[in-house]
Each structure stands twice: as structure tokens, then as C-alpha cells.
Amino acid sequence: MHDMVTADHGPDFHGFRGQIDGQLVCVIPRQALHEENERRIVRGVMRRQGADCGQCRGCVIGRHAD
């Protein structure tokens, strides 16, 4: 199970990965839904936090992974 939510925490926010009751939860900026450059930034942030969006493909970030 994977959950993705969007949030607007300003221009310096590029994502966060966490777990709730053992379930993966990713928080991404709204602009990542429509901007490929922001999706690349989010994938990098998630990778540094131990996630591989290209393997998960549970949200728009993973589905657009190279």
C-alpha cells in the first residue's frame, strides 16, 4: 500500500517520505503533478530518503520515472 498527498509548503519544499502504521506515505509539492523538472527533483529527494520512485510507481512521480 502506498499513499501520496500533495502540499504547498513554499518554494523550498520538494517532498517528504514517511510511514504510518508501516505504510509508505509520500508528500509532494502540487507543482510536481504537472512539471517534469519538479518530478525529477522529488525523485532525487525521495532517493536520498531511501525510496526508489521508479520501483514503486505508486503515484505520478513513479509513473513518470525514467
PDB file of N, CA and C in Angstrom:
ATOM      1  N   MET A   1       0.851  -1.186   0.000  1.00  0.00           N
ATOM      2  CA  MET A   1       0.000   0.000   0.000  1.00  0.00           C
ATOM      3  C   MET A   1       0.885   1.233   0.000  1.00  0.00           C
ATOM      4  N   HIS A   2       0.489   2.237  -0.719  1.00  0.00           N
ATOM      5  CA  HIS A   2       1.243   3.476  -0.839  1.00  0.00           C
ATOM      6  C   HIS A   2       0.250   4.620  -0.901  1.00  0.00           C
ATOM      7  N   ASP A   3       0.540   5.687  -0.188  1.00  0.00           N
ATOM      8  CA  ASP A   3      -0.292   6.888  -0.262  1.00  0.00           C
ATOM      9  C   ASP A   3       0.576   8.059  -0.663  1.00  0.00           C
ATOM     10  N   MET A   4       0.026   8.935  -1.502  1.00  0.00           N
ATOM     11  CA  MET A   4       0.695  10.148  -1.913  1.00  0.00           C
ATOM     12  C   MET A   4      -0.270  11.293  -1.679  1.00  0.00           C
ATOM     13  N   VAL A   5       0.228  12.340  -1.042  1.00  0.00           N
ATOM     14  CA  VAL A   5      -0.571  13.546  -0.836  1.00  0.00           C
ATOM     15  C   VAL A   5       0.240  14.737  -1.329  1.00  0.00           C
ATOM     16  N   THR A   6      -0.466  15.778  -1.734  1.00  0.00           N
ATOM     17  CA  THR A   6       0.210  17.000  -2.156  1.00  0.00           C
ATOM     18  C   THR A   6       0.068  18.051  -1.074  1.00  0.00           C
ATOM     19  N   ALA A   7       1.053  18.930  -1.018  1.00  0.00           N
ATOM     20  CA  ALA A   7       1.040  20.010  -0.036  1.00  0.00           C
ATOM     21  C   ALA A   7       1.787  21.203  -0.617  1.00  0.00           C
ATOM     22  N   ASP A   8       1.415  22.374  -0.170  1.00  0.00           N
ATOM     23  CA  ASP A   8       2.091  23.591  -0.597  1.00  0.00           C
ATOM     24  C   ASP A   8       2.797  24.182   0.617  1.00  0.00           C
ATOM     25  N   HIS A   9       4.084  23.879   0.729  1.00  0.00           N
ATOM     26  CA  HIS A   9       4.881  24.376   1.853  1.00  0.00           C
ATOM     27  C   HIS A   9       5.928  25.379   1.380  1.00  0.00           C
ATOM     28  N   GLY A  10       5.674  26.020   0.261  1.00  0.00           N
ATOM     29  CA  GLY A  10       6.585  27.037  -0.244  1.00  0.00           C
ATOM     30  C   GLY A  10       7.569  26.499  -1.269  1.00  0.00           C
ATOM     31  N   PRO A  11       8.343  27.400  -1.867  1.00  0.00           N
ATOM     32  CA  PRO A  11       9.226  27.029  -2.979  1.00  0.00           C
ATOM     33  C   PRO A  11      10.401  26.134  -2.586  1.00  0.00           C
ATOM     34  N   ASP A  12      10.724  26.042  -1.321  1.00  0.00           N
ATOM     35  CA  ASP A  12      11.843  25.205  -0.896  1.00  0.00           C
ATOM     36  C   ASP A  12      11.424  23.792  -0.509  1.00  0.00           C
ATOM     37  N   PHE A  13      10.130  23.484  -0.579  1.00  0.00           N
ATOM     38  CA  PHE A  13       9.639  22.149  -0.246  1.00  0.00           C
ATOM     39  C   PHE A  13       9.600  21.298  -1.508  1.00  0.00           C
ATOM     40  N   HIS A  14      10.309  20.156  -1.476  1.00  0.00           N
ATOM     41  CA  HIS A  14      10.360  19.275  -2.645  1.00  0.00           C
ATOM     42  C   HIS A  14       9.982  17.843  -2.310  1.00  0.00           C
ATOM     43  N   GLY A  15       9.378  17.614  -1.155  1.00  0.00           N
ATOM     44  CA  GLY A  15       8.887  16.283  -0.852  1.00  0.00           C
ATOM     45  C   GLY A  15       9.371  15.725   0.470  1.00  0.00           C
ATOM     46  N   PHE A  16       8.644  14.715   0.917  1.00  0.00           N
ATOM     47  CA  PHE A  16       8.946  14.027   2.168  1.00  0.00           C
ATOM     48  C   PHE A  16       8.396  12.616   2.080  1.00  0.00           C
ATOM     49  N   ARG A  17       9.151  11.670   2.599  1.00  0.00           N
ATOM     50  CA  ARG A  17       8.725  10.273   2.637  1.00  0.00           C
ATOM     51  C   ARG A  17       8.640   9.847   4.093  1.00  0.00           C
ATOM     52  N   GLY A  18       7.571   9.166   4.434  1.00  0.00           N
ATOM     53  CA  GLY A  18       7.413   8.672   5.788  1.00  0.00           C
ATOM     54  C   GLY A  18       6.596   7.395   5.799  1.00  0.00           C
ATOM     55  N   GLN A  19       6.323   6.895   6.982  1.00  0.00           N
ATOM     56  CA  GLN A  19       5.497   5.702   7.142  1.00  0.00           C
ATOM     57  C   GLN A  19       4.498   5.932   8.257  1.00  0.00           C
ATOM     58  N   ILE A  20       3.300   5.442   8.028  1.00  0.00           N
ATOM     59  CA  ILE A  20       2.251   5.453   9.039  1.00  0.00           C
ATOM     60  C   ILE A  20       1.738   4.023   9.147  1.00  0.00           C
ATOM     61  N   ASP A  21       1.837   3.446  10.321  1.00  0.00           N
ATOM     62  CA  ASP A  21       1.438   2.046  10.537  1.00  0.00           C
ATOM     63  C   ASP A  21       2.065   1.118   9.502  1.00  0.00           C
ATOM     64  N   GLY A  22       3.329   1.368   9.172  1.00  0.00           N
ATOM     65  CA  GLY A  22       4.050   0.521   8.231  1.00  0.00           C
ATOM     66  C   GLY A  22       3.759   0.789   6.768  1.00  0.00           C
ATOM     67  N   GLN A  23       2.879   1.722   6.482  1.00  0.00           N
ATOM     68  CA  GLN A  23       2.509   2.044   5.102  1.00  0.00           C
ATOM     69  C   GLN A  23       3.294   3.263   4.626  1.00  0.00           C
ATOM     70  N   LEU A  24       3.816   3.194   3.407  1.00  0.00           N
ATOM     71  CA  LEU A  24       4.568   4.296   2.824  1.00  0.00           C
ATOM     72  C   LEU A  24       3.640   5.464   2.513  1.00  0.00           C
ATOM     73  N   VAL A  25       4.053   6.655   2.929  1.00  0.00           N
ATOM     74  CA  VAL A  25       3.306   7.881   2.647  1.00  0.00           C
ATOM     75  C   VAL A  25       4.304   8.907   2.116  1.00  0.00           C
ATOM     76  N   CYS A  26       4.034   9.436   0.931  1.00  0.00           N
ATOM     77  CA  CYS A  26       4.891  10.458   0.339  1.00  0.00           C
ATOM     78  C   CYS A  26       4.102  11.755   0.214  1.00  0.00           C
ATOM     79  N   VAL A  27       4.741  12.837   0.579  1.00  0.00           N
ATOM     80  CA  VAL A  27       4.145  14.165   0.455  1.00  0.00           C
ATOM     81  C   VAL A  27       4.945  14.892  -0.617  1.00  0.00           C
ATOM     82  N   ILE A  28       4.257  15.371  -1.644  1.00  0.00           N
ATOM     83  CA  ILE A  28       4.941  16.046  -2.741  1.00  0.00           C
ATOM     84  C   ILE A  28       4.322  17.424  -2.967  1.00  0.00           C
ATOM     85  N   PRO A  29       5.080  18.340  -3.559  1.00  0.00           N
ATOM     86  CA  PRO A  29       4.518  19.653  -3.876  1.00  0.00           C
ATOM     87  C   PRO A  29       3.523  19.540  -5.035  1.00  0.00           C
ATOM     88  N   ARG A  30       2.515  20.371  -5.022  1.00  0.00           N
ATOM     89  CA  ARG A  30       1.476  20.315  -6.063  1.00  0.00           C
ATOM     90  C   ARG A  30       2.036  20.452  -7.472  1.00  0.00           C
ATOM     91  N   GLN A  31       3.057  21.301  -7.649  1.00  0.00           N
ATOM     92  CA  GLN A  31       3.576  21.529  -8.995  1.00  0.00           C
ATOM     93  C   GLN A  31       4.199  20.270  -9.594  1.00  0.00           C
ATOM     94  N   ALA A  32       4.546  19.289  -8.769  1.00  0.00           N
ATOM     95  CA  ALA A  32       5.106  18.040  -9.285  1.00  0.00           C
ATOM     96  C   ALA A  32       4.073  17.240 -10.075  1.00  0.00           C
ATOM     97  N   LEU A  33       2.809  17.536  -9.898  1.00  0.00           N
ATOM     98  CA  LEU A  33       1.766  16.846 -10.666  1.00  0.00           C
ATOM     99  C   LEU A  33       1.833  17.200 -12.142  1.00  0.00           C
ATOM    100  N   HIS A  34       2.375  18.385 -12.462  1.00  0.00           N
ATOM    101  CA  HIS A  34       2.337  18.875 -13.842  1.00  0.00           C
ATOM    102  C   HIS A  34       3.692  19.254 -14.423  1.00  0.00           C
ATOM    103  N   GLU A  35       4.739  19.352 -13.601  1.00  0.00           N
ATOM    104  CA  GLU A  35       6.039  19.823 -14.076  1.00  0.00           C
ATOM    105  C   GLU A  35       7.091  18.719 -13.970  1.00  0.00           C
ATOM    106  N   GLU A  36       7.628  18.306 -15.119  1.00  0.00           N
ATOM    107  CA  GLU A  36       8.614  17.222 -15.142  1.00  0.00           C
ATOM    108  C   GLU A  36       9.873  17.572 -14.352  1.00  0.00           C
ATOM    109  N   ASN A  37      10.335  18.806 -14.446  1.00  0.00           N
ATOM    110  CA  ASN A  37      11.533  19.184 -13.692  1.00  0.00           C
ATOM    111  C   ASN A  37      11.300  19.010 -12.190  1.00  0.00           C
ATOM    112  N   GLU A  38      10.135  19.384 -11.707  1.00  0.00           N
ATOM    113  CA  GLU A  38       9.831  19.211 -10.277  1.00  0.00           C
ATOM    114  C   GLU A  38       9.745  17.731  -9.924  1.00  0.00           C
ATOM    115  N   ARG A  39       9.205  16.905 -10.826  1.00  0.00           N
ATOM    116  CA  ARG A  39       9.161  15.457 -10.570  1.00  0.00           C
ATOM    117  C   ARG A  39      10.572  14.893 -10.430  1.00  0.00           C
ATOM    118  N   ARG A  40      11.507  15.362 -11.263  1.00  0.00           N
ATOM    119  CA  ARG A  40      12.901  14.909 -11.153  1.00  0.00           C
ATOM    120  C   ARG A  40      13.488  15.291  -9.795  1.00  0.00           C
ATOM    121  N   ILE A  41      13.204  16.509  -9.356  1.00  0.00           N
ATOM    122  CA  ILE A  41      13.695  16.959  -8.049  1.00  0.00           C
ATOM    123  C   ILE A  41      13.114  16.091  -6.941  1.00  0.00           C
ATOM    124  N   VAL A  42      11.807  15.828  -7.016  1.00  0.00           N
ATOM    125  CA  VAL A  42      11.145  14.998  -5.999  1.00  0.00           C
ATOM    126  C   VAL A  42      11.755  13.597  -5.980  1.00  0.00           C
ATOM    127  N   ARG A  43      11.993  13.000  -7.158  1.00  0.00           N
ATOM    128  CA  ARG A  43      12.606  11.664  -7.195  1.00  0.00           C
ATOM    129  C   ARG A  43      13.964  11.667  -6.495  1.00  0.00           C
ATOM    130  N   GLY A  44      14.742  12.728  -6.697  1.00  0.00           N
ATOM    131  CA  GLY A  44      16.035  12.839  -6.024  1.00  0.00           C
ATOM    132  C   GLY A  44      15.888  12.941  -4.516  1.00  0.00           C
ATOM    133  N   VAL A  45      14.928  13.735  -4.070  1.00  0.00           N
ATOM    134  CA  VAL A  45      14.667  13.877  -2.633  1.00  0.00           C
ATOM    135  C   VAL A  45      14.262  12.528  -2.047  1.00  0.00           C
ATOM    136  N   MET A  46      13.357  11.837  -2.716  1.00  0.00           N
ATOM    137  CA  MET A  46      12.896  10.537  -2.216  1.00  0.00           C
ATOM    138  C   MET A  46      14.037   9.525  -2.197  1.00  0.00           C
ATOM    139  N   ARG A  47      14.891   9.556  -3.227  1.00  0.00           N
ATOM    140  CA  ARG A  47      16.038   8.642  -3.278  1.00  0.00           C
ATOM    141  C   ARG A  47      16.965   8.883  -2.078  1.00  0.00           C
ATOM    142  N   ARG A  48      17.199  10.142  -1.751  1.00  0.00           N
ATOM    143  CA  ARG A  48      18.054  10.454  -0.594  1.00  0.00           C
ATOM    144  C   ARG A  48      17.394  10.032   0.725  1.00  0.00           C
ATOM    145  N   GLN A  49      16.062   9.870   0.713  1.00  0.00           N
ATOM    146  CA  GLN A  49      15.347   9.423   1.908  1.00  0.00           C
ATOM    147  C   GLN A  49      15.109   7.908   1.891  1.00  0.00           C
ATOM    148  N   GLY A  50      15.713   7.215   0.929  1.00  0.00           N
ATOM    149  CA  GLY A  50      15.660   5.760   0.899  1.00  0.00           C
ATOM    150  C   GLY A  50      14.580   5.147   0.034  1.00  0.00           C
ATOM    151  N   ALA A  51      13.888   5.936  -0.777  1.00  0.00           N
ATOM    152  CA  ALA A  51      12.821   5.407  -1.636  1.00  0.00           C
ATOM    153  C   ALA A  51      13.278   5.398  -3.091  1.00  0.00           C
ATOM    154  N   ASP A  52      12.745   4.484  -3.877  1.00  0.00           N
ATOM    155  CA  ASP A  52      13.015   4.427  -5.312  1.00  0.00           C
ATOM    156  C   ASP A  52      11.691   4.549  -6.045  1.00  0.00           C
ATOM    157  N   CYS A  53      11.378   5.748  -6.504  1.00  0.00           N
ATOM    158  CA  CYS A  53      10.097   6.007  -7.168  1.00  0.00           C
ATOM    159  C   CYS A  53       9.940   5.175  -8.436  1.00  0.00           C
ATOM    160  N   GLY A  54      11.046   4.890  -9.116  1.00  0.00           N
ATOM    161  CA  GLY A  54      10.986   4.074 -10.321  1.00  0.00           C
ATOM    162  C   GLY A  54      10.556   2.646 -10.042  1.00  0.00           C
ATOM    163  N   GLN A  55      10.841   2.143  -8.848  1.00  0.00           N
ATOM    164  CA  GLN A  55      10.407   0.805  -8.452  1.00  0.00           C
ATOM    165  C   GLN A  55       8.979   0.813  -7.938  1.00  0.00           C
ATOM    166  N   CYS A  56       8.614   1.858  -7.201  1.00  0.00           N
ATOM    167  CA  CYS A  56       7.290   1.921  -6.580  1.00  0.00           C
ATOM    168  C   CYS A  56       6.193   2.138  -7.622  1.00  0.00           C
ATOM    169  N   ARG A  57       6.322   3.201  -8.383  1.00  0.00           N
ATOM    170  CA  ARG A  57       5.342   3.584  -9.411  1.00  0.00           C
ATOM    171  C   ARG A  57       3.925   3.704  -8.857  1.00  0.00           C
ATOM    172  N   GLY A  58       3.804   4.006  -7.559  1.00  0.00           N
ATOM    173  CA  GLY A  58       2.501   4.113  -6.923  1.00  0.00           C
ATOM    174  C   GLY A  58       1.833   5.467  -7.079  1.00  0.00           C
ATOM    175  N   CYS A  59       2.535   6.427  -7.687  1.00  0.00           N
ATOM    176  CA  CYS A  59       1.951   7.758  -7.879  1.00  0.00           C
ATOM    177  C   CYS A  59       2.512   8.380  -9.153  1.00  0.00           C
ATOM    178  N   VAL A  60       2.142   9.592  -9.423  1.00  0.00           N
ATOM    179  CA  VAL A  60       2.566  10.290 -10.639  1.00  0.00           C
ATOM    180  C   VAL A  60       4.087  10.407 -10.726  1.00  0.00           C
ATOM    181  N   ILE A  61       4.769  10.503  -9.621  1.00  0.00           N
ATOM    182  CA  ILE A  61       6.227  10.618  -9.633  1.00  0.00           C
ATOM    183  C   ILE A  61       6.848   9.328 -10.165  1.00  0.00           C
ATOM    184  N   GLY A  62       6.440   8.205  -9.645  1.00  0.00           N
ATOM    185  CA  GLY A  62       6.966   6.919 -10.092  1.00  0.00           C
ATOM    186  C   GLY A  62       6.537   6.546 -11.494  1.00  0.00           C
ATOM    187  N   ARG A  63       5.310   6.863 -11.846  1.00  0.00           N
ATOM    188  CA  ARG A  63       4.821   6.522 -13.188  1.00  0.00           C
ATOM    189  C   ARG A  63       5.537   7.307 -14.276  1.00  0.00           C
ATOM    190  N   HIS A  64       6.115   8.453 -13.934  1.00  0.00           N
ATOM    191  CA  HIS A  64       6.868   9.247 -14.901  1.00  0.00           C
ATOM    192  C   HIS A  64       8.375   9.069 -14.737  1.00  0.00           C
ATOM    193  N   ALA A  65       8.803   8.093 -13.926  1.00  0.00           N
ATOM    194  CA  ALA A  65      10.235   7.861 -13.714  1.00  0.00           C
ATOM    195  C   ALA A  65      10.862   7.358 -15.006  1.00  0.00           C
ATOM    196  N   ASP A  66      12.083   7.774 -15.234  1.00  0.00           N
ATOM    197  CA  ASP A  66      12.811   7.365 -16.456  1.00  0.00           C
ATOM    198  C   ASP A  66      13.135   5.903 -16.436  1.00  0.00           C
TER     199      ASP A  66
END
